[in-house]
Amino acid sequence: MKIIGPDKSYIDYYHGVIASRIGFQNCFGIRVTQNHCCAVIKIGDAQPFTYGNRYRLPVKIDTLSIPMRNTLDDHLMNYPSSDLFELLAGKKSFQEAVNFSSEIEPKRITATGKVRA
C-alpha cells in the first residue's frame, strides 16, 4: 500500500496489517522523502511515526537493517508493481513517485491456486 503524505513531503509504503494482542492493528513500512528513507509504523488510529536509522538515497539495499529489508521484500511481494525499489535505488525520482499515485492492488491466490481479485 502506498500513501502519499498530505503535504507531498513523504510517501509511506506499508506491507500487511498485523493485529496485536490488545486489538490494535499495526502497519509497518518504509517512509521515503526527497533525500532519505526510514522505517515507519502506524498503530491503531494514531498518526504514523518514524523510528530507527535514516538511510540517504539512493541506498544500497544490502546496507538496510534486516527489518527494513524484510519490510521491503514483503511489500514488493504483495505489490509487485510498486515503485519502491526503483525509488530506493535512485532509478525513479521522488517527484515522479509522488506524481504517480495510482497503485495496483495485489491479487491474492487462494489455497486452490485460483486468483482472487
N, C-alpha and C. Protein backbone atom coordinates (compact mmCIF):
# COMPACT_ATOMS: atom_id res chain seq x y z
N MET A 1 0.85 -1.16 0.00
CA MET A 1 0.00 0.00 0.00
C MET A 1 0.90 1.24 0.00
N LYS A 2 0.59 2.18 -0.84
CA LYS A 2 1.36 3.41 -0.98
C LYS A 2 0.49 4.58 -0.54
N ILE A 3 1.00 5.35 0.44
CA ILE A 3 0.25 6.51 0.94
C ILE A 3 1.14 7.73 0.84
N ILE A 4 0.67 8.72 0.11
CA ILE A 4 1.41 9.97 -0.03
C ILE A 4 0.99 10.91 1.08
N GLY A 5 1.98 11.50 1.75
CA GLY A 5 1.70 12.44 2.84
C GLY A 5 0.85 13.61 2.37
N PRO A 6 0.08 14.23 3.27
CA PRO A 6 -0.83 15.31 2.88
C PRO A 6 -0.13 16.49 2.24
N ASP A 7 1.12 16.74 2.61
CA ASP A 7 1.85 17.87 2.01
C ASP A 7 2.82 17.40 0.92
N LYS A 8 2.71 16.13 0.53
CA LYS A 8 3.54 15.52 -0.50
C LYS A 8 5.03 15.58 -0.18
N SER A 9 5.37 15.61 1.11
CA SER A 9 6.78 15.64 1.50
C SER A 9 7.32 14.24 1.79
N TYR A 10 6.44 13.25 1.81
CA TYR A 10 6.87 11.87 2.04
C TYR A 10 5.87 10.90 1.43
N ILE A 11 6.34 9.67 1.24
CA ILE A 11 5.49 8.56 0.80
C ILE A 11 5.74 7.42 1.76
N ASP A 12 4.67 6.85 2.30
CA ASP A 12 4.77 5.67 3.14
C ASP A 12 4.36 4.45 2.32
N TYR A 13 5.21 3.44 2.35
CA TYR A 13 4.95 2.16 1.69
C TYR A 13 4.78 1.14 2.81
N TYR A 14 3.56 0.64 2.98
CA TYR A 14 3.27 -0.32 4.05
C TYR A 14 3.14 -1.72 3.49
N HIS A 15 3.47 -2.70 4.32
CA HIS A 15 3.11 -4.07 3.99
C HIS A 15 1.89 -4.42 4.83
N GLY A 16 1.52 -5.65 4.90
CA GLY A 16 0.26 -6.05 5.52
C GLY A 16 0.04 -5.59 6.95
N VAL A 17 -1.21 -5.61 7.36
CA VAL A 17 -1.61 -5.22 8.70
C VAL A 17 -1.34 -6.38 9.65
N ILE A 18 -0.82 -6.06 10.84
CA ILE A 18 -0.58 -7.07 11.87
C ILE A 18 -1.44 -6.71 13.08
N ALA A 19 -2.23 -7.66 13.55
CA ALA A 19 -3.08 -7.42 14.73
C ALA A 19 -2.29 -7.76 15.99
N SER A 20 -2.31 -6.86 16.96
CA SER A 20 -1.60 -7.10 18.22
C SER A 20 -2.52 -7.80 19.21
N ARG A 21 -1.94 -8.19 20.33
CA ARG A 21 -2.71 -8.89 21.36
C ARG A 21 -3.82 -8.03 21.95
N ILE A 22 -3.61 -6.72 22.00
CA ILE A 22 -4.62 -5.86 22.63
C ILE A 22 -5.63 -5.30 21.62
N GLY A 23 -5.62 -5.84 20.41
CA GLY A 23 -6.64 -5.48 19.44
C GLY A 23 -6.28 -4.36 18.48
N PHE A 24 -5.12 -3.74 18.64
CA PHE A 24 -4.70 -2.71 17.70
C PHE A 24 -4.23 -3.36 16.41
N GLN A 25 -4.41 -2.63 15.32
CA GLN A 25 -3.84 -3.07 14.06
C GLN A 25 -2.60 -2.25 13.80
N ASN A 26 -1.47 -2.92 13.61
CA ASN A 26 -0.20 -2.26 13.38
C ASN A 26 0.18 -2.39 11.92
N CYS A 27 0.70 -1.33 11.34
CA CYS A 27 1.20 -1.36 9.97
C CYS A 27 2.66 -0.92 10.00
N PHE A 28 3.54 -1.77 9.50
CA PHE A 28 4.95 -1.44 9.38
C PHE A 28 5.24 -1.10 7.94
N GLY A 29 6.18 -0.18 7.74
CA GLY A 29 6.50 0.19 6.38
C GLY A 29 7.80 0.96 6.28
N ILE A 30 7.97 1.57 5.12
CA ILE A 30 9.14 2.39 4.82
C ILE A 30 8.66 3.75 4.38
N ARG A 31 9.19 4.80 5.03
CA ARG A 31 8.87 6.17 4.63
C ARG A 31 10.02 6.69 3.77
N VAL A 32 9.65 7.25 2.62
CA VAL A 32 10.63 7.81 1.70
C VAL A 32 10.36 9.30 1.56
N THR A 33 11.41 10.10 1.69
CA THR A 33 11.33 11.54 1.44
C THR A 33 12.24 11.85 0.25
N GLN A 34 12.39 13.12 -0.02
CA GLN A 34 13.23 13.55 -1.13
C GLN A 34 14.66 13.02 -1.01
N ASN A 35 15.19 12.95 0.22
CA ASN A 35 16.61 12.64 0.40
C ASN A 35 16.92 11.36 1.17
N HIS A 36 15.94 10.79 1.87
CA HIS A 36 16.25 9.63 2.70
C HIS A 36 15.04 8.71 2.86
N CYS A 37 15.30 7.56 3.49
CA CYS A 37 14.22 6.63 3.85
C CYS A 37 14.47 6.15 5.27
N CYS A 38 13.40 5.70 5.91
CA CYS A 38 13.49 5.15 7.26
C CYS A 38 12.27 4.28 7.51
N ALA A 39 12.27 3.59 8.63
CA ALA A 39 11.13 2.74 9.00
C ALA A 39 10.00 3.62 9.52
N VAL A 40 8.77 3.17 9.30
CA VAL A 40 7.59 3.87 9.79
C VAL A 40 6.62 2.83 10.35
N ILE A 41 5.88 3.22 11.38
CA ILE A 41 4.87 2.33 11.96
C ILE A 41 3.62 3.14 12.24
N LYS A 42 2.48 2.50 12.03
CA LYS A 42 1.19 3.09 12.37
C LYS A 42 0.49 2.11 13.30
N ILE A 43 0.15 2.57 14.50
CA ILE A 43 -0.51 1.72 15.49
C ILE A 43 -1.94 2.21 15.67
N GLY A 44 -2.88 1.34 15.36
CA GLY A 44 -4.28 1.70 15.51
C GLY A 44 -4.63 2.94 14.71
N ASP A 45 -5.36 3.86 15.36
CA ASP A 45 -5.79 5.09 14.69
C ASP A 45 -4.81 6.23 14.88
N ALA A 46 -3.70 5.98 15.56
CA ALA A 46 -2.71 7.03 15.82
C ALA A 46 -1.99 7.43 14.52
N GLN A 47 -1.38 8.60 14.55
CA GLN A 47 -0.58 9.06 13.42
C GLN A 47 0.65 8.17 13.28
N PRO A 48 1.07 7.90 12.05
CA PRO A 48 2.28 7.10 11.87
C PRO A 48 3.50 7.87 12.38
N PHE A 49 4.52 7.12 12.82
CA PHE A 49 5.76 7.76 13.26
C PHE A 49 6.95 6.96 12.75
N THR A 50 8.06 7.65 12.57
CA THR A 50 9.27 7.02 12.06
C THR A 50 10.16 6.62 13.23
N TYR A 51 11.04 5.67 12.99
CA TYR A 51 11.99 5.23 14.01
C TYR A 51 13.20 4.62 13.33
N GLY A 52 14.26 4.48 14.10
CA GLY A 52 15.46 3.83 13.59
C GLY A 52 16.32 4.75 12.74
N ASN A 53 17.23 4.13 12.02
CA ASN A 53 18.19 4.86 11.19
C ASN A 53 17.53 5.46 9.96
N ARG A 54 18.09 6.60 9.54
CA ARG A 54 17.72 7.18 8.25
C ARG A 54 18.81 6.79 7.26
N TYR A 55 18.39 6.41 6.06
CA TYR A 55 19.32 6.00 5.02
C TYR A 55 19.23 6.99 3.87
N ARG A 56 20.36 7.54 3.50
CA ARG A 56 20.42 8.51 2.41
C ARG A 56 20.12 7.83 1.08
N LEU A 57 19.35 8.50 0.22
CA LEU A 57 19.02 7.97 -1.11
C LEU A 57 20.03 8.45 -2.13
N PRO A 58 20.32 7.66 -3.13
CA PRO A 58 19.93 6.26 -3.29
C PRO A 58 20.65 5.39 -2.26
N VAL A 59 20.02 4.29 -1.93
CA VAL A 59 20.56 3.41 -0.89
C VAL A 59 20.87 2.05 -1.50
N LYS A 60 21.97 1.44 -1.04
CA LYS A 60 22.25 0.07 -1.41
C LYS A 60 21.41 -0.81 -0.50
N ILE A 61 20.60 -1.66 -1.08
CA ILE A 61 19.64 -2.45 -0.32
C ILE A 61 20.33 -3.28 0.76
N ASP A 62 21.52 -3.81 0.49
CA ASP A 62 22.19 -4.64 1.49
C ASP A 62 22.71 -3.85 2.68
N THR A 63 22.65 -2.50 2.64
CA THR A 63 23.04 -1.70 3.80
C THR A 63 21.87 -1.41 4.72
N LEU A 64 20.65 -1.74 4.29
CA LEU A 64 19.47 -1.54 5.13
C LEU A 64 19.48 -2.54 6.27
N SER A 65 18.87 -2.18 7.38
CA SER A 65 18.75 -3.11 8.50
C SER A 65 17.89 -4.30 8.06
N ILE A 66 18.03 -5.40 8.75
CA ILE A 66 17.27 -6.60 8.40
C ILE A 66 15.76 -6.35 8.46
N PRO A 67 15.23 -5.67 9.50
CA PRO A 67 13.79 -5.40 9.48
C PRO A 67 13.35 -4.56 8.29
N MET A 68 14.18 -3.59 7.89
CA MET A 68 13.84 -2.77 6.71
C MET A 68 13.86 -3.62 5.44
N ARG A 69 14.84 -4.50 5.31
CA ARG A 69 14.91 -5.38 4.13
C ARG A 69 13.71 -6.33 4.11
N ASN A 70 13.33 -6.85 5.28
CA ASN A 70 12.16 -7.72 5.34
C ASN A 70 10.89 -6.98 4.94
N THR A 71 10.76 -5.74 5.40
CA THR A 71 9.61 -4.92 5.04
C THR A 71 9.60 -4.67 3.53
N LEU A 72 10.75 -4.35 2.97
CA LEU A 72 10.87 -4.13 1.53
C LEU A 72 10.48 -5.38 0.77
N ASP A 73 11.04 -6.53 1.16
CA ASP A 73 10.72 -7.79 0.48
C ASP A 73 9.23 -8.10 0.54
N ASP A 74 8.63 -7.93 1.72
CA ASP A 74 7.21 -8.22 1.88
C ASP A 74 6.38 -7.27 1.03
N HIS A 75 6.72 -6.00 1.03
CA HIS A 75 5.97 -5.02 0.24
C HIS A 75 6.04 -5.37 -1.25
N LEU A 76 7.24 -5.67 -1.74
CA LEU A 76 7.40 -5.97 -3.17
C LEU A 76 6.73 -7.28 -3.55
N MET A 77 6.68 -8.24 -2.62
CA MET A 77 5.99 -9.50 -2.89
C MET A 77 4.48 -9.26 -3.03
N ASN A 78 3.92 -8.41 -2.16
CA ASN A 78 2.48 -8.17 -2.17
C ASN A 78 2.05 -7.10 -3.17
N TYR A 79 2.98 -6.24 -3.56
CA TYR A 79 2.69 -5.16 -4.51
C TYR A 79 3.77 -5.15 -5.59
N PRO A 80 3.76 -6.14 -6.47
CA PRO A 80 4.84 -6.27 -7.45
C PRO A 80 4.97 -5.08 -8.40
N SER A 81 3.94 -4.29 -8.57
CA SER A 81 4.03 -3.12 -9.45
C SER A 81 4.48 -1.87 -8.72
N SER A 82 4.82 -1.99 -7.44
CA SER A 82 5.25 -0.86 -6.64
C SER A 82 6.53 -0.25 -7.19
N ASP A 83 6.65 1.06 -7.02
CA ASP A 83 7.86 1.76 -7.45
C ASP A 83 8.86 1.95 -6.31
N LEU A 84 8.65 1.29 -5.17
CA LEU A 84 9.51 1.47 -4.01
C LEU A 84 10.97 1.11 -4.30
N PHE A 85 11.22 -0.03 -4.92
CA PHE A 85 12.60 -0.44 -5.20
C PHE A 85 13.28 0.56 -6.12
N GLU A 86 12.60 0.99 -7.17
CA GLU A 86 13.17 1.98 -8.10
C GLU A 86 13.50 3.28 -7.39
N LEU A 87 12.63 3.68 -6.47
CA LEU A 87 12.83 4.91 -5.72
C LEU A 87 14.04 4.80 -4.80
N LEU A 88 14.16 3.70 -4.07
CA LEU A 88 15.29 3.50 -3.17
C LEU A 88 16.61 3.41 -3.93
N ALA A 89 16.58 2.79 -5.10
CA ALA A 89 17.79 2.60 -5.90
C ALA A 89 18.18 3.84 -6.70
N GLY A 90 17.33 4.87 -6.70
CA GLY A 90 17.63 6.08 -7.45
C GLY A 90 17.28 6.00 -8.92
N LYS A 91 16.52 4.98 -9.32
CA LYS A 91 16.11 4.83 -10.71
C LYS A 91 14.85 5.63 -11.02
N LYS A 92 14.20 6.10 -9.98
CA LYS A 92 12.99 6.93 -10.12
C LYS A 92 13.12 8.06 -9.11
N SER A 93 12.77 9.25 -9.53
CA SER A 93 12.88 10.39 -8.62
C SER A 93 11.70 10.41 -7.65
N PHE A 94 11.91 11.07 -6.53
CA PHE A 94 10.84 11.22 -5.55
C PHE A 94 9.66 11.94 -6.18
N GLN A 95 9.93 12.97 -6.96
CA GLN A 95 8.85 13.74 -7.60
C GLN A 95 8.03 12.87 -8.55
N GLU A 96 8.69 11.99 -9.29
CA GLU A 96 7.97 11.07 -10.18
C GLU A 96 7.06 10.15 -9.36
N ALA A 97 7.57 9.65 -8.24
CA ALA A 97 6.79 8.75 -7.39
C ALA A 97 5.59 9.45 -6.76
N VAL A 98 5.77 10.70 -6.35
CA VAL A 98 4.66 11.46 -5.77
C VAL A 98 3.59 11.74 -6.82
N ASN A 99 4.01 12.07 -8.02
CA ASN A 99 3.05 12.41 -9.08
C ASN A 99 2.35 11.19 -9.64
N PHE A 100 2.95 10.02 -9.52
CA PHE A 100 2.31 8.79 -9.97
C PHE A 100 1.73 8.08 -8.76
N SER A 101 0.51 8.44 -8.40
CA SER A 101 -0.06 7.96 -7.14
C SER A 101 -0.94 6.74 -7.28
N SER A 102 -1.22 6.28 -8.49
CA SER A 102 -2.09 5.11 -8.59
C SER A 102 -1.28 3.85 -8.39
N GLU A 103 -1.73 3.05 -7.47
CA GLU A 103 -1.04 1.80 -7.11
C GLU A 103 -1.97 0.64 -7.46
N ILE A 104 -1.46 -0.34 -8.15
CA ILE A 104 -2.27 -1.51 -8.50
C ILE A 104 -2.31 -2.43 -7.29
N GLU A 105 -3.50 -2.76 -6.84
CA GLU A 105 -3.65 -3.61 -5.68
C GLU A 105 -3.25 -5.04 -6.03
N PRO A 106 -2.71 -5.78 -5.05
CA PRO A 106 -2.28 -7.15 -5.33
C PRO A 106 -3.48 -8.08 -5.51
N LYS A 107 -3.25 -9.13 -6.24
CA LYS A 107 -4.26 -10.18 -6.38
C LYS A 107 -3.81 -11.33 -5.51
N ARG A 108 -4.68 -11.79 -4.64
CA ARG A 108 -4.35 -12.88 -3.71
C ARG A 108 -4.65 -14.22 -4.36
N ILE A 109 -3.80 -15.18 -4.08
CA ILE A 109 -4.02 -16.52 -4.59
C ILE A 109 -4.60 -17.36 -3.45
N THR A 110 -5.69 -18.06 -3.75
CA THR A 110 -6.36 -18.88 -2.74
C THR A 110 -5.59 -20.19 -2.58
N ALA A 111 -5.99 -20.97 -1.60
CA ALA A 111 -5.36 -22.26 -1.31
C ALA A 111 -5.46 -23.21 -2.51
N THR A 112 -6.48 -23.02 -3.35
CA THR A 112 -6.64 -23.89 -4.52
C THR A 112 -5.82 -23.41 -5.71
N GLY A 113 -5.14 -22.27 -5.55
CA GLY A 113 -4.31 -21.75 -6.62
C GLY A 113 -5.03 -20.79 -7.55
N LYS A 114 -6.31 -20.52 -7.26
CA LYS A 114 -7.07 -19.59 -8.08
C LYS A 114 -6.81 -18.16 -7.60
N VAL A 115 -6.84 -17.23 -8.52
CA VAL A 115 -6.57 -15.82 -8.20
C VAL A 115 -7.88 -15.17 -7.79
N ARG A 116 -7.81 -14.45 -6.63
CA ARG A 116 -8.95 -13.65 -6.17
C ARG A 116 -8.67 -12.20 -6.43
N ALA A 117 -9.66 -11.46 -6.83
CA ALA A 117 -9.47 -10.01 -7.05
C ALA A 117 -9.57 -9.27 -5.75
